[in-house]
Amino acid sequence: MSDNNVDPSGNTEAFRAFTRTTPDPTAAPSKAPFVIGGVVAVVLIALVAWLAL
């Protein structure tokens, strides 16, 4: 019975090809920092407004 799942750690060349990652130039940068910053800003504004009452 043949094994169709080749283990990439079986040889160095296959392992290097398996672990090699190239950045995708068409991928958009992450928007997570902007979302987190927006949430923090809203929470801070709400906190200041609540303390001002």
N, C-alpha and C. Protein backbone atom coordinates (compact mmCIF):
# COMPACT_ATOMS: atom_id res chain seq x y z
N MET A 1 0.85 -1.17 0.00
CA MET A 1 0.00 0.00 0.00
C MET A 1 0.90 1.24 0.00
N SER A 2 0.63 2.16 -0.93
CA SER A 2 1.47 3.35 -1.00
C SER A 2 0.92 4.44 -0.08
N ASP A 3 1.85 5.24 0.40
CA ASP A 3 1.50 6.32 1.32
C ASP A 3 1.37 7.62 0.51
N ASN A 4 0.15 8.15 0.36
CA ASN A 4 -0.07 9.37 -0.43
C ASN A 4 0.30 10.63 0.34
N ASN A 5 0.35 10.56 1.64
CA ASN A 5 0.72 11.70 2.46
C ASN A 5 2.22 11.67 2.71
N VAL A 6 2.95 12.52 2.02
CA VAL A 6 4.40 12.56 2.16
C VAL A 6 4.75 13.44 3.34
N ASP A 7 5.57 12.94 4.23
CA ASP A 7 6.01 13.70 5.39
C ASP A 7 7.07 14.70 4.94
N PRO A 8 6.84 16.03 5.11
CA PRO A 8 7.82 17.01 4.65
C PRO A 8 9.13 16.96 5.42
N SER A 9 9.12 16.34 6.58
CA SER A 9 10.38 16.23 7.32
C SER A 9 11.19 15.04 6.85
N GLY A 10 10.70 14.33 5.85
CA GLY A 10 11.40 13.15 5.34
C GLY A 10 12.75 13.49 4.73
N ASN A 11 12.86 14.62 4.06
CA ASN A 11 14.16 15.04 3.56
C ASN A 11 14.26 16.56 3.66
N THR A 12 15.45 17.07 3.58
CA THR A 12 15.69 18.49 3.83
C THR A 12 15.03 19.36 2.77
N GLU A 13 15.11 18.96 1.52
CA GLU A 13 14.54 19.78 0.45
C GLU A 13 13.03 19.92 0.59
N ALA A 14 12.34 18.83 0.89
CA ALA A 14 10.89 18.88 1.06
C ALA A 14 10.53 19.71 2.29
N PHE A 15 11.31 19.59 3.35
CA PHE A 15 11.02 20.37 4.55
C PHE A 15 11.20 21.85 4.31
N ARG A 16 12.26 22.23 3.61
CA ARG A 16 12.49 23.64 3.31
C ARG A 16 11.38 24.20 2.43
N ALA A 17 10.95 23.42 1.45
CA ALA A 17 9.85 23.86 0.59
C ALA A 17 8.56 23.99 1.39
N PHE A 18 8.37 23.10 2.35
CA PHE A 18 7.16 23.12 3.18
C PHE A 18 7.13 24.35 4.08
N THR A 19 8.28 24.73 4.63
CA THR A 19 8.32 25.84 5.58
C THR A 19 8.54 27.19 4.93
N ARG A 20 8.89 27.21 3.66
CA ARG A 20 9.16 28.47 2.98
C ARG A 20 7.85 29.22 2.77
N THR A 21 7.82 30.44 3.21
CA THR A 21 6.64 31.28 3.00
C THR A 21 7.09 32.56 2.35
N THR A 22 6.33 32.98 1.35
CA THR A 22 6.62 34.24 0.69
C THR A 22 5.44 35.18 0.94
N PRO A 23 5.71 36.42 1.26
CA PRO A 23 4.61 37.36 1.51
C PRO A 23 3.84 37.62 0.21
N ASP A 24 2.54 37.68 0.32
CA ASP A 24 1.69 37.93 -0.83
C ASP A 24 1.62 39.43 -1.06
N PRO A 25 2.16 39.92 -2.19
CA PRO A 25 2.17 41.37 -2.42
C PRO A 25 0.78 41.95 -2.64
N THR A 26 -0.19 41.11 -2.99
CA THR A 26 -1.55 41.61 -3.22
C THR A 26 -2.39 41.60 -1.95
N ALA A 27 -1.87 41.03 -0.87
CA ALA A 27 -2.64 40.94 0.37
C ALA A 27 -2.72 42.32 1.03
N ALA A 28 -3.89 42.66 1.50
CA ALA A 28 -4.09 43.94 2.17
C ALA A 28 -3.54 43.86 3.59
N PRO A 29 -3.01 44.96 4.10
CA PRO A 29 -2.51 44.95 5.48
C PRO A 29 -3.66 44.76 6.47
N SER A 30 -3.33 44.27 7.62
CA SER A 30 -4.34 43.99 8.64
C SER A 30 -4.98 45.27 9.16
N LYS A 31 -6.29 45.21 9.37
CA LYS A 31 -7.01 46.36 9.91
C LYS A 31 -7.25 46.22 11.40
N ALA A 32 -6.71 45.18 12.00
CA ALA A 32 -6.92 44.91 13.43
C ALA A 32 -6.46 46.07 14.31
N PRO A 33 -5.29 46.67 14.09
CA PRO A 33 -4.89 47.79 14.97
C PRO A 33 -5.87 48.95 14.93
N PHE A 34 -6.46 49.23 13.76
CA PHE A 34 -7.42 50.32 13.66
C PHE A 34 -8.71 49.99 14.40
N VAL A 35 -9.14 48.75 14.30
CA VAL A 35 -10.37 48.33 14.98
C VAL A 35 -10.16 48.39 16.49
N ILE A 36 -9.05 47.88 16.96
CA ILE A 36 -8.75 47.89 18.40
C ILE A 36 -8.62 49.33 18.90
N GLY A 37 -7.95 50.18 18.12
CA GLY A 37 -7.80 51.58 18.49
C GLY A 37 -9.14 52.29 18.55
N GLY A 38 -10.03 51.99 17.62
CA GLY A 38 -11.35 52.58 17.63
C GLY A 38 -12.17 52.16 18.84
N VAL A 39 -12.09 50.88 19.19
CA VAL A 39 -12.82 50.38 20.36
C VAL A 39 -12.28 51.04 21.63
N VAL A 40 -10.98 51.15 21.74
CA VAL A 40 -10.37 51.78 22.92
C VAL A 40 -10.78 53.25 23.00
N ALA A 41 -10.81 53.94 21.87
CA ALA A 41 -11.21 55.35 21.86
C ALA A 41 -12.66 55.51 22.31
N VAL A 42 -13.55 54.66 21.83
CA VAL A 42 -14.96 54.74 22.22
C VAL A 42 -15.11 54.47 23.72
N VAL A 43 -14.40 53.48 24.23
CA VAL A 43 -14.48 53.16 25.66
C VAL A 43 -13.96 54.33 26.49
N LEU A 44 -12.86 54.94 26.08
CA LEU A 44 -12.31 56.07 26.83
C LEU A 44 -13.25 57.27 26.81
N ILE A 45 -13.85 57.55 25.67
CA ILE A 45 -14.79 58.67 25.58
C ILE A 45 -16.01 58.40 26.47
N ALA A 46 -16.51 57.16 26.45
CA ALA A 46 -17.65 56.81 27.31
C ALA A 46 -17.28 56.93 28.78
N LEU A 47 -16.07 56.53 29.14
CA LEU A 47 -15.62 56.62 30.53
C LEU A 47 -15.51 58.08 30.98
N VAL A 48 -14.95 58.92 30.14
CA VAL A 48 -14.82 60.34 30.47
C VAL A 48 -16.20 60.97 30.60
N ALA A 49 -17.12 60.64 29.70
CA ALA A 49 -18.48 61.18 29.77
C ALA A 49 -19.19 60.73 31.03
N TRP A 50 -18.99 59.47 31.42
CA TRP A 50 -19.63 58.94 32.63
C TRP A 50 -19.06 59.61 33.88
N LEU A 51 -17.75 59.85 33.89
CA LEU A 51 -17.13 60.51 35.05
C LEU A 51 -17.53 61.97 35.13
N ALA A 52 -17.85 62.60 34.00
CA ALA A 52 -18.23 64.01 34.00
C ALA A 52 -19.63 64.25 34.54
N LEU A 53 -20.42 63.20 34.62
CA LEU A 53 -21.80 63.37 35.14
C LEU A 53 -21.83 63.68 36.60
